Amino acid sequence: MENLDRYLDVALETAFVAGQATLAHFRTGVEVEMKDDATPVTLADRAAEAIVRERLGRAFPGHGIVGEEEGAERVDAAHVWWVDPIDGTKAFVRGVPLYAVLIGLAVEGRIEVGVAHFPALGETVYAASGRGTRLNGRPVRVRDTAELADAYVAFTDAGSFERHGRAGAWARLRAATAYQAGWSDAYGHALVASGRLELMLDPVMHPWDAGPFPVLLREAGGRFGDWSGRETIHGGEALSTSDRLWPQVAALIGAREASRDG
């Protein structure tokens, strides 16, 4: 697809510049405000999104953009950028370095370019359709683990599964896997795409939190989408894993299709 390399280059540069802006506030005791949805926001979130919007708008004036903090512009455009300036604000404000700048580009509704940049870790996982997935320039793939019993699974908030009606599915996955690690946010999905974990799941997910991950997982030989296995950033939930493990994962969480199990 034409221009994907340029789109990726601009997204990488933009994520890095925005990430540097967040580092200026990281571990400084930045003031935290609570939004109407009871989630935190800081000056760093707003400053980083302003940078992303300005740079993408200047490079691609006809494109749409949707950001967590400043809303949507031209969402009916053929090209729409999905942006979260700080995914993992709770981690950010506590000085935990797992937060990310997320940028994804949808072309006619399909995510074709994705960048997940972790400023405090010095890691960037990125991809464009047909170009493969890379971590800091090195090609990466999902792990080839054959059995869920040998898999590592990540999550963000253990209590979120019960709050969102997924306690039963989470209990079955927890019992079936080798190791479970929390407080992951975007980093968990990036770890799956780069072959360091086998499974990451979120019982609730906003589209701007998911922007880059469909292409990151697809190009790494895995899958990202809702808990039904459909590739989407609009499912209200999210799961990353390998194609090889997906049938085993689906068998454990499939009961939720009949009812929101608890």
C-alpha atoms as a PDB file:
ATOM      1  CA  MET A   1       0.000   0.000   0.000  1.00  0.00           C
ATOM      2  CA  GLU A   2       1.408   3.364  -1.017  1.00  0.00           C
ATOM      3  CA  ASN A   3       2.742   5.798   1.575  1.00  0.00           C
ATOM      4  CA  LEU A   4       2.803   3.302   4.456  1.00  0.00           C
ATOM      5  CA  ASP A   5       6.535   3.779   4.919  1.00  0.00           C
ATOM      6  CA  ARG A   6       6.099   7.545   5.177  1.00  0.00           C
ATOM      7  CA  TYR A   7       3.160   7.189   7.538  1.00  0.00           C
ATOM      8  CA  LEU A   8       5.249   4.914   9.751  1.00  0.00           C
ATOM      9  CA  ASP A   9       8.268   7.219   9.684  1.00  0.00           C
ATOM     10  CA  VAL A  10       6.174  10.222  10.740  1.00  0.00           C
ATOM     11  CA  ALA A  11       4.404   8.205  13.427  1.00  0.00           C
ATOM     12  CA  LEU A  12       7.739   7.024  14.854  1.00  0.00           C
ATOM     13  CA  GLU A  13       9.193  10.530  14.930  1.00  0.00           C
ATOM     14  CA  THR A  14       6.003  11.931  16.433  1.00  0.00           C
ATOM     15  CA  ALA A  15       5.814   9.285  19.156  1.00  0.00           C
ATOM     16  CA  PHE A  16       9.431   9.935  20.105  1.00  0.00           C
ATOM     17  CA  VAL A  17       8.978  13.715  20.347  1.00  0.00           C
ATOM     18  CA  ALA A  18       5.771  13.314  22.366  1.00  0.00           C
ATOM     19  CA  GLY A  19       7.496  10.761  24.561  1.00  0.00           C
ATOM     20  CA  GLN A  20      10.322  13.179  25.325  1.00  0.00           C
ATOM     21  CA  ALA A  21       7.711  15.703  26.428  1.00  0.00           C
ATOM     22  CA  THR A  22       6.228  13.182  28.867  1.00  0.00           C
ATOM     23  CA  LEU A  23       9.641  12.450  30.351  1.00  0.00           C
ATOM     24  CA  ALA A  24       9.949  16.113  31.327  1.00  0.00           C
ATOM     25  CA  HIS A  25       7.093  15.475  33.792  1.00  0.00           C
ATOM     26  CA  PHE A  26       7.842  11.876  34.769  1.00  0.00           C
ATOM     27  CA  ARG A  27       8.651  11.378  38.472  1.00  0.00           C
ATOM     28  CA  THR A  28       8.333  15.112  39.119  1.00  0.00           C
ATOM     29  CA  GLY A  29       5.166  15.012  41.233  1.00  0.00           C
ATOM     30  CA  VAL A  30       3.033  16.316  38.366  1.00  0.00           C
ATOM     31  CA  GLU A  31      -0.464  17.382  39.406  1.00  0.00           C
ATOM     32  CA  VAL A  32      -3.237  14.882  38.681  1.00  0.00           C
ATOM     33  CA  GLU A  33      -6.815  15.770  37.735  1.00  0.00           C
ATOM     34  CA  MET A  34      -9.731  13.347  37.586  1.00  0.00           C
ATOM     35  CA  LYS A  35     -11.864  13.380  34.453  1.00  0.00           C
ATOM     36  CA  ASP A  36     -15.619  12.837  34.377  1.00  0.00           C
ATOM     37  CA  ASP A  37     -15.066   9.109  33.845  1.00  0.00           C
ATOM     38  CA  ALA A  38     -12.968   8.957  37.051  1.00  0.00           C
ATOM     39  CA  THR A  39      -9.720   8.353  35.159  1.00  0.00           C
ATOM     40  CA  PRO A  40      -6.637  10.509  35.779  1.00  0.00           C
ATOM     41  CA  VAL A  41      -5.140  13.091  33.433  1.00  0.00           C
ATOM     42  CA  THR A  42      -2.065  15.290  33.764  1.00  0.00           C
ATOM     43  CA  LEU A  43      -0.403  18.211  32.036  1.00  0.00           C
ATOM     44  CA  ALA A  44       1.884  15.636  30.412  1.00  0.00           C
ATOM     45  CA  ASP A  45      -1.065  13.855  28.748  1.00  0.00           C
ATOM     46  CA  ARG A  46      -2.372  17.096  27.283  1.00  0.00           C
ATOM     47  CA  ALA A  47       1.053  18.353  26.191  1.00  0.00           C
ATOM     48  CA  ALA A  48       1.900  15.073  24.465  1.00  0.00           C
ATOM     49  CA  GLU A  49      -1.411  14.924  22.624  1.00  0.00           C
ATOM     50  CA  ALA A  50      -0.983  18.521  21.452  1.00  0.00           C
ATOM     51  CA  ILE A  51       2.385  17.562  19.977  1.00  0.00           C
ATOM     52  CA  VAL A  52       0.960  14.515  18.222  1.00  0.00           C
ATOM     53  CA  ARG A  53      -1.964  16.455  16.786  1.00  0.00           C
ATOM     54  CA  GLU A  54       0.215  19.309  15.560  1.00  0.00           C
ATOM     55  CA  ARG A  55       2.782  17.061  13.891  1.00  0.00           C
ATOM     56  CA  LEU A  56       0.287  14.676  12.284  1.00  0.00           C
ATOM     57  CA  GLY A  57      -1.947  17.541  11.214  1.00  0.00           C
ATOM     58  CA  ARG A  58       0.959  19.334   9.587  1.00  0.00           C
ATOM     59  CA  ALA A  59       2.198  16.201   7.807  1.00  0.00           C
ATOM     60  CA  PHE A  60      -1.235  14.909   6.728  1.00  0.00           C
ATOM     61  CA  PRO A  61      -3.758  17.765   6.742  1.00  0.00           C
ATOM     62  CA  GLY A  62      -6.512  15.685   5.134  1.00  0.00           C
ATOM     63  CA  HIS A  63      -6.388  12.902   7.686  1.00  0.00           C
ATOM     64  CA  GLY A  64      -8.707  12.470  10.627  1.00  0.00           C
ATOM     65  CA  ILE A  65      -7.541  12.100  14.197  1.00  0.00           C
ATOM     66  CA  VAL A  66      -9.082  10.768  17.409  1.00  0.00           C
ATOM     67  CA  GLY A  67      -7.281  11.350  20.700  1.00  0.00           C
ATOM     68  CA  GLU A  68      -8.172  10.438  24.248  1.00  0.00           C
ATOM     69  CA  GLU A  69      -7.878  13.972  25.603  1.00  0.00           C
ATOM     70  CA  GLU A  70      -8.984  16.251  22.754  1.00  0.00           C
ATOM     71  CA  GLY A  71     -11.607  14.210  20.914  1.00  0.00           C
ATOM     72  CA  ALA A  72     -12.204  13.608  17.225  1.00  0.00           C
ATOM     73  CA  GLU A  73     -11.633  15.503  13.991  1.00  0.00           C
ATOM     74  CA  ARG A  74     -12.615  14.359  10.468  1.00  0.00           C
ATOM     75  CA  VAL A  75     -13.525  10.833  11.571  1.00  0.00           C
ATOM     76  CA  ASP A  76     -15.178  10.223   8.189  1.00  0.00           C
ATOM     77  CA  ALA A  77     -11.819  10.599   6.385  1.00  0.00           C
ATOM     78  CA  ALA A  78     -10.299   7.580   4.655  1.00  0.00           C
ATOM     79  CA  HIS A  79      -7.248   7.888   6.932  1.00  0.00           C
ATOM     80  CA  VAL A  80      -7.835   8.298  10.671  1.00  0.00           C
ATOM     81  CA  TRP A  81      -5.137   8.396  13.350  1.00  0.00           C
ATOM     82  CA  TRP A  82      -5.945   6.939  16.785  1.00  0.00           C
ATOM     83  CA  VAL A  83      -3.878   8.452  19.588  1.00  0.00           C
ATOM     84  CA  ASP A  84      -3.352   7.908  23.292  1.00  0.00           C
ATOM     85  CA  PRO A  85      -0.649  10.330  24.470  1.00  0.00           C
ATOM     86  CA  ILE A  86      -0.086   8.426  27.720  1.00  0.00           C
ATOM     87  CA  ASP A  87      -1.574   4.967  27.943  1.00  0.00           C
ATOM     88  CA  GLY A  88      -1.110   3.974  31.561  1.00  0.00           C
ATOM     89  CA  THR A  89      -1.533   7.326  33.280  1.00  0.00           C
ATOM     90  CA  LYS A  90      -1.984   5.548  36.626  1.00  0.00           C
ATOM     91  CA  ALA A  91       1.475   4.044  36.155  1.00  0.00           C
ATOM     92  CA  PHE A  92       2.889   7.369  34.957  1.00  0.00           C
ATOM     93  CA  VAL A  93       1.769   9.333  38.005  1.00  0.00           C
ATOM     94  CA  ARG A  94       3.237   6.692  40.358  1.00  0.00           C
ATOM     95  CA  GLY A  95       6.599   6.734  38.592  1.00  0.00           C
ATOM     96  CA  VAL A  96       6.164   3.283  37.026  1.00  0.00           C
ATOM     97  CA  PRO A  97       7.886   3.248  33.598  1.00  0.00           C
ATOM     98  CA  LEU A  98       5.385   1.036  31.738  1.00  0.00           C
ATOM     99  CA  TYR A  99       3.344   3.847  30.179  1.00  0.00           C
ATOM    100  CA  ALA A 100       3.220   4.364  26.407  1.00  0.00           C
ATOM    101  CA  VAL A 101       2.587   6.833  23.624  1.00  0.00           C
ATOM    102  CA  LEU A 102       0.254   5.002  21.236  1.00  0.00           C
ATOM    103  CA  ILE A 103      -0.345   5.937  17.597  1.00  0.00           C
ATOM    104  CA  GLY A 104      -2.293   3.865  15.084  1.00  0.00           C
ATOM    105  CA  LEU A 105      -3.443   4.699  11.564  1.00  0.00           C
ATOM    106  CA  ALA A 106      -6.678   3.262  10.178  1.00  0.00           C
ATOM    107  CA  VAL A 107      -6.994   3.258   6.388  1.00  0.00           C
ATOM    108  CA  GLU A 108     -10.593   2.669   5.325  1.00  0.00           C
ATOM    109  CA  GLY A 109     -11.235   1.308   8.816  1.00  0.00           C
ATOM    110  CA  ARG A 110      -8.322  -1.151   9.003  1.00  0.00           C
ATOM    111  CA  ILE A 111      -5.270  -0.409  11.159  1.00  0.00           C
ATOM    112  CA  GLU A 112      -2.309  -0.381   8.768  1.00  0.00           C
ATOM    113  CA  VAL A 113       0.382   1.436  10.798  1.00  0.00           C
ATOM    114  CA  GLY A 114       1.089   1.217  14.512  1.00  0.00           C
ATOM    115  CA  VAL A 115       3.616   2.568  17.009  1.00  0.00           C
ATOM    116  CA  ALA A 116       3.778   1.792  20.731  1.00  0.00           C
ATOM    117  CA  HIS A 117       6.557   3.884  22.246  1.00  0.00           C
ATOM    118  CA  PHE A 118       7.615   3.452  25.873  1.00  0.00           C
ATOM    119  CA  PRO A 119       9.671   6.574  26.667  1.00  0.00           C
ATOM    120  CA  ALA A 120      10.813   5.620  30.153  1.00  0.00           C
ATOM    121  CA  LEU A 121      11.907   2.155  28.990  1.00  0.00           C
ATOM    122  CA  GLY A 122      13.563   3.199  25.751  1.00  0.00           C
ATOM    123  CA  GLU A 123      11.487   0.665  23.813  1.00  0.00           C
ATOM    124  CA  THR A 124       9.437   1.118  20.661  1.00  0.00           C
ATOM    125  CA  VAL A 125       7.389  -1.637  19.023  1.00  0.00           C
ATOM    126  CA  TYR A 126       6.124  -0.711  15.562  1.00  0.00           C
ATOM    127  CA  ALA A 127       4.758  -2.127  12.331  1.00  0.00           C
ATOM    128  CA  ALA A 128       3.152  -1.357   8.998  1.00  0.00           C
ATOM    129  CA  SER A 129       1.195  -3.832   6.899  1.00  0.00           C
ATOM    130  CA  GLY A 130       3.525  -6.041   4.910  1.00  0.00           C
ATOM    131  CA  ARG A 131       6.637  -4.731   6.685  1.00  0.00           C
ATOM    132  CA  GLY A 132       6.709  -6.945   9.780  1.00  0.00           C
ATOM    133  CA  THR A 133       6.861  -5.930  13.431  1.00  0.00           C
ATOM    134  CA  ARG A 134      10.014  -4.521  15.012  1.00  0.00           C
ATOM    135  CA  LEU A 135      11.290  -3.734  18.482  1.00  0.00           C
ATOM    136  CA  ASN A 136      13.883  -0.937  18.381  1.00  0.00           C
ATOM    137  CA  GLY A 137      14.676  -1.884  14.788  1.00  0.00           C
ATOM    138  CA  ARG A 138      14.919  -5.646  15.360  1.00  0.00           C
ATOM    139  CA  PRO A 139      12.326  -7.946  13.723  1.00  0.00           C
ATOM    140  CA  VAL A 140      10.143  -9.709  16.291  1.00  0.00           C
ATOM    141  CA  ARG A 141       7.477 -12.417  16.264  1.00  0.00           C
ATOM    142  CA  VAL A 142       5.009 -13.849  18.755  1.00  0.00           C
ATOM    143  CA  ARG A 143       6.241 -16.813  20.783  1.00  0.00           C
ATOM    144  CA  ASP A 144       5.663 -20.264  19.317  1.00  0.00           C
ATOM    145  CA  THR A 145       4.449 -21.758  22.599  1.00  0.00           C
ATOM    146  CA  ALA A 146       2.252 -24.784  21.876  1.00  0.00           C
ATOM    147  CA  GLU A 147       0.412 -25.215  25.166  1.00  0.00           C
ATOM    148  CA  LEU A 148      -1.418 -22.674  27.284  1.00  0.00           C
ATOM    149  CA  ALA A 149      -0.063 -24.466  30.353  1.00  0.00           C
ATOM    150  CA  ASP A 150       3.367 -23.059  29.448  1.00  0.00           C
ATOM    151  CA  ALA A 151       2.109 -19.549  28.721  1.00  0.00           C
ATOM    152  CA  TYR A 152       2.650 -16.273  30.559  1.00  0.00           C
ATOM    153  CA  VAL A 153      -0.396 -14.004  30.678  1.00  0.00           C
ATOM    154  CA  ALA A 154      -0.539 -10.288  31.488  1.00  0.00           C
ATOM    155  CA  PHE A 155      -3.332  -8.047  32.708  1.00  0.00           C
ATOM    156  CA  THR A 156      -3.659  -4.508  34.035  1.00  0.00           C
ATOM    157  CA  ASP A 157      -6.046  -4.613  37.000  1.00  0.00           C
ATOM    158  CA  ALA A 158      -7.068  -7.943  38.532  1.00  0.00           C
ATOM    159  CA  GLY A 159     -10.243  -6.418  39.934  1.00  0.00           C
ATOM    160  CA  SER A 160     -11.414  -5.268  36.508  1.00  0.00           C
ATOM    161  CA  PHE A 161     -12.454  -8.778  35.450  1.00  0.00           C
ATOM    162  CA  GLU A 162     -15.095  -9.027  38.145  1.00  0.00           C
ATOM    163  CA  ARG A 163     -16.257  -5.441  37.617  1.00  0.00           C
ATOM    164  CA  HIS A 164     -16.837  -6.128  33.925  1.00  0.00           C
ATOM    165  CA  GLY A 165     -18.450  -9.538  34.265  1.00  0.00           C
ATOM    166  CA  ARG A 166     -15.418 -11.610  33.276  1.00  0.00           C
ATOM    167  CA  ALA A 167     -14.420 -13.176  36.598  1.00  0.00           C
ATOM    168  CA  GLY A 168     -15.189 -16.687  35.409  1.00  0.00           C
ATOM    169  CA  ALA A 169     -13.159 -16.411  32.221  1.00  0.00           C
ATOM    170  CA  TRP A 170     -10.254 -14.889  34.120  1.00  0.00           C
ATOM    171  CA  ALA A 171     -10.332 -17.640  36.751  1.00  0.00           C
ATOM    172  CA  ARG A 172     -10.175 -20.312  34.043  1.00  0.00           C
ATOM    173  CA  LEU A 173      -7.284 -18.591  32.247  1.00  0.00           C
ATOM    174  CA  ARG A 174      -5.441 -18.034  35.505  1.00  0.00           C
ATOM    175  CA  ALA A 175      -5.718 -21.734  36.365  1.00  0.00           C
ATOM    176  CA  ALA A 176      -4.664 -22.797  32.864  1.00  0.00           C
ATOM    177  CA  THR A 177      -1.525 -20.664  32.474  1.00  0.00           C
ATOM    178  CA  ALA A 178       1.954 -20.877  33.963  1.00  0.00           C
ATOM    179  CA  TYR A 179       2.395 -17.291  35.188  1.00  0.00           C
ATOM    180  CA  GLN A 180       0.265 -14.155  35.524  1.00  0.00           C
ATOM    181  CA  ALA A 181       1.775 -10.645  35.656  1.00  0.00           C
ATOM    182  CA  GLY A 182      -0.197  -7.439  36.262  1.00  0.00           C
ATOM    183  CA  TRP A 183      -0.069  -3.642  35.785  1.00  0.00           C
ATOM    184  CA  SER A 184       0.649  -4.013  32.091  1.00  0.00           C
ATOM    185  CA  ASP A 185      -1.632  -1.633  30.129  1.00  0.00           C
ATOM    186  CA  ALA A 186      -0.234  -1.236  26.603  1.00  0.00           C
ATOM    187  CA  TYR A 187       3.020  -2.899  27.579  1.00  0.00           C
ATOM    188  CA  GLY A 188       1.345  -6.297  27.878  1.00  0.00           C
ATOM    189  CA  HIS A 189       0.118  -6.198  24.274  1.00  0.00           C
ATOM    190  CA  ALA A 190       3.551  -5.033  23.124  1.00  0.00           C
ATOM    191  CA  LEU A 191       5.151  -7.908  25.040  1.00  0.00           C
ATOM    192  CA  VAL A 192       2.961 -10.404  23.187  1.00  0.00           C
ATOM    193  CA  ALA A 193       3.762  -8.813  19.807  1.00  0.00           C
ATOM    194  CA  SER A 194       7.488  -8.957  20.562  1.00  0.00           C
ATOM    195  CA  GLY A 195       7.513 -12.576  21.742  1.00  0.00           C
ATOM    196  CA  ARG A 196       7.978 -12.020  25.461  1.00  0.00           C
ATOM    197  CA  LEU A 197       4.524 -13.091  26.656  1.00  0.00           C
ATOM    198  CA  GLU A 198       1.875 -15.371  25.171  1.00  0.00           C
ATOM    199  CA  LEU A 199      -1.324 -13.610  26.218  1.00  0.00           C
ATOM    200  CA  MET A 200      -2.584 -10.185  27.293  1.00  0.00           C
ATOM    201  CA  LEU A 201      -6.208  -9.421  27.992  1.00  0.00           C
ATOM    202  CA  ASP A 202      -8.312  -6.426  28.966  1.00  0.00           C
ATOM    203  CA  PRO A 203     -11.990  -6.775  29.918  1.00  0.00           C
ATOM    204  CA  VAL A 204     -12.513  -3.123  28.947  1.00  0.00           C
ATOM    205  CA  MET A 205     -10.746  -1.139  26.211  1.00  0.00           C
ATOM    206  CA  HIS A 206     -11.260   2.197  24.466  1.00  0.00           C
ATOM    207  CA  PRO A 207     -10.333   2.435  20.769  1.00  0.00           C
ATOM    208  CA  TRP A 208      -7.563   5.004  21.366  1.00  0.00           C
ATOM    209  CA  ASP A 209      -6.003   2.546  23.861  1.00  0.00           C
ATOM    210  CA  ALA A 210      -5.892  -0.069  21.091  1.00  0.00           C
ATOM    211  CA  GLY A 211      -4.799   2.025  18.090  1.00  0.00           C
ATOM    212  CA  PRO A 212      -1.518   0.366  17.072  1.00  0.00           C
ATOM    213  CA  PHE A 213      -2.116  -3.186  18.220  1.00  0.00           C
ATOM    214  CA  PRO A 214      -4.018  -4.869  15.358  1.00  0.00           C
ATOM    215  CA  VAL A 215      -1.127  -4.345  12.949  1.00  0.00           C
ATOM    216  CA  LEU A 216       1.541  -4.978  15.601  1.00  0.00           C
ATOM    217  CA  LEU A 217       0.096  -8.410  16.352  1.00  0.00           C
ATOM    218  CA  ARG A 218      -0.933  -9.238  12.784  1.00  0.00           C
ATOM    219  CA  GLU A 219       2.529  -8.529  11.401  1.00  0.00           C
ATOM    220  CA  ALA A 220       4.120 -10.503  14.267  1.00  0.00           C
ATOM    221  CA  GLY A 221       2.105 -13.618  13.476  1.00  0.00           C
ATOM    222  CA  GLY A 222      -0.502 -13.158  16.176  1.00  0.00           C
ATOM    223  CA  ARG A 223      -3.893 -11.599  16.669  1.00  0.00           C
ATOM    224  CA  PHE A 224      -5.402  -8.646  18.483  1.00  0.00           C
ATOM    225  CA  GLY A 225      -9.086  -7.947  18.848  1.00  0.00           C
ATOM    226  CA  ASP A 226     -12.108  -8.570  20.992  1.00  0.00           C
ATOM    227  CA  TRP A 227     -12.689 -11.690  23.064  1.00  0.00           C
ATOM    228  CA  SER A 228     -14.519 -13.300  20.151  1.00  0.00           C
ATOM    229  CA  GLY A 229     -11.364 -13.207  18.041  1.00  0.00           C
ATOM    230  CA  ARG A 230     -12.533 -10.405  15.749  1.00  0.00           C
ATOM    231  CA  GLU A 231      -9.762  -7.931  14.820  1.00  0.00           C
ATOM    232  CA  THR A 232     -11.025  -4.546  15.975  1.00  0.00           C
ATOM    233  CA  ILE A 233     -10.191  -1.578  18.160  1.00  0.00           C
ATOM    234  CA  HIS A 234     -13.901  -0.960  18.756  1.00  0.00           C
ATOM    235  CA  GLY A 235     -14.857  -4.095  20.694  1.00  0.00           C
ATOM    236  CA  GLY A 236     -14.841  -2.469  24.122  1.00  0.00           C
ATOM    237  CA  GLU A 237     -12.391  -5.168  25.245  1.00  0.00           C
ATOM    238  CA  ALA A 238      -9.089  -6.556  24.001  1.00  0.00           C
ATOM    239  CA  LEU A 239      -6.991  -9.683  23.773  1.00  0.00           C
ATOM    240  CA  SER A 240      -3.568 -10.350  22.237  1.00  0.00           C
ATOM    241  CA  THR A 241      -2.179 -13.812  21.640  1.00  0.00           C
ATOM    242  CA  SER A 242      -0.638 -16.061  19.000  1.00  0.00           C
ATOM    243  CA  ASP A 243      -2.624 -17.808  16.297  1.00  0.00           C
ATOM    244  CA  ARG A 244      -1.312 -21.085  17.700  1.00  0.00           C
ATOM    245  CA  LEU A 245      -2.707 -20.520  21.194  1.00  0.00           C
ATOM    246  CA  TRP A 246      -5.941 -18.817  20.153  1.00  0.00           C
ATOM    247  CA  PRO A 247      -8.050 -22.038  19.964  1.00  0.00           C
ATOM    248  CA  GLN A 248      -7.091 -22.932  23.544  1.00  0.00           C
ATOM    249  CA  VAL A 249      -7.792 -19.393  24.757  1.00  0.00           C
ATOM    250  CA  ALA A 250     -11.119 -19.316  22.922  1.00  0.00           C
ATOM    251  CA  ALA A 251     -12.182 -22.598  24.499  1.00  0.00           C
ATOM    252  CA  LEU A 252     -11.683 -21.145  27.971  1.00  0.00           C
ATOM    253  CA  ILE A 253     -13.422 -17.813  27.395  1.00  0.00           C
ATOM    254  CA  GLY A 254     -16.082 -19.020  24.949  1.00  0.00           C
ATOM    255  CA  ALA A 255     -18.706 -19.402  27.677  1.00  0.00           C
ATOM    256  CA  ARG A 256     -19.029 -15.643  27.871  1.00  0.00           C
ATOM    257  CA  GLU A 257     -20.674 -15.663  24.408  1.00  0.00           C
ATOM    258  CA  ALA A 258     -23.735 -17.320  25.958  1.00  0.00           C
ATOM    259  CA  SER A 259     -23.702 -15.050  29.017  1.00  0.00           C
ATOM    260  CA  ARG A 260     -21.450 -12.508  30.673  1.00  0.00           C
ATOM    261  CA  ASP A 261     -20.055 -15.125  33.021  1.00  0.00           C
ATOM    262  CA  GLY A 262     -19.174 -14.341  36.594  1.00  0.00           C
END
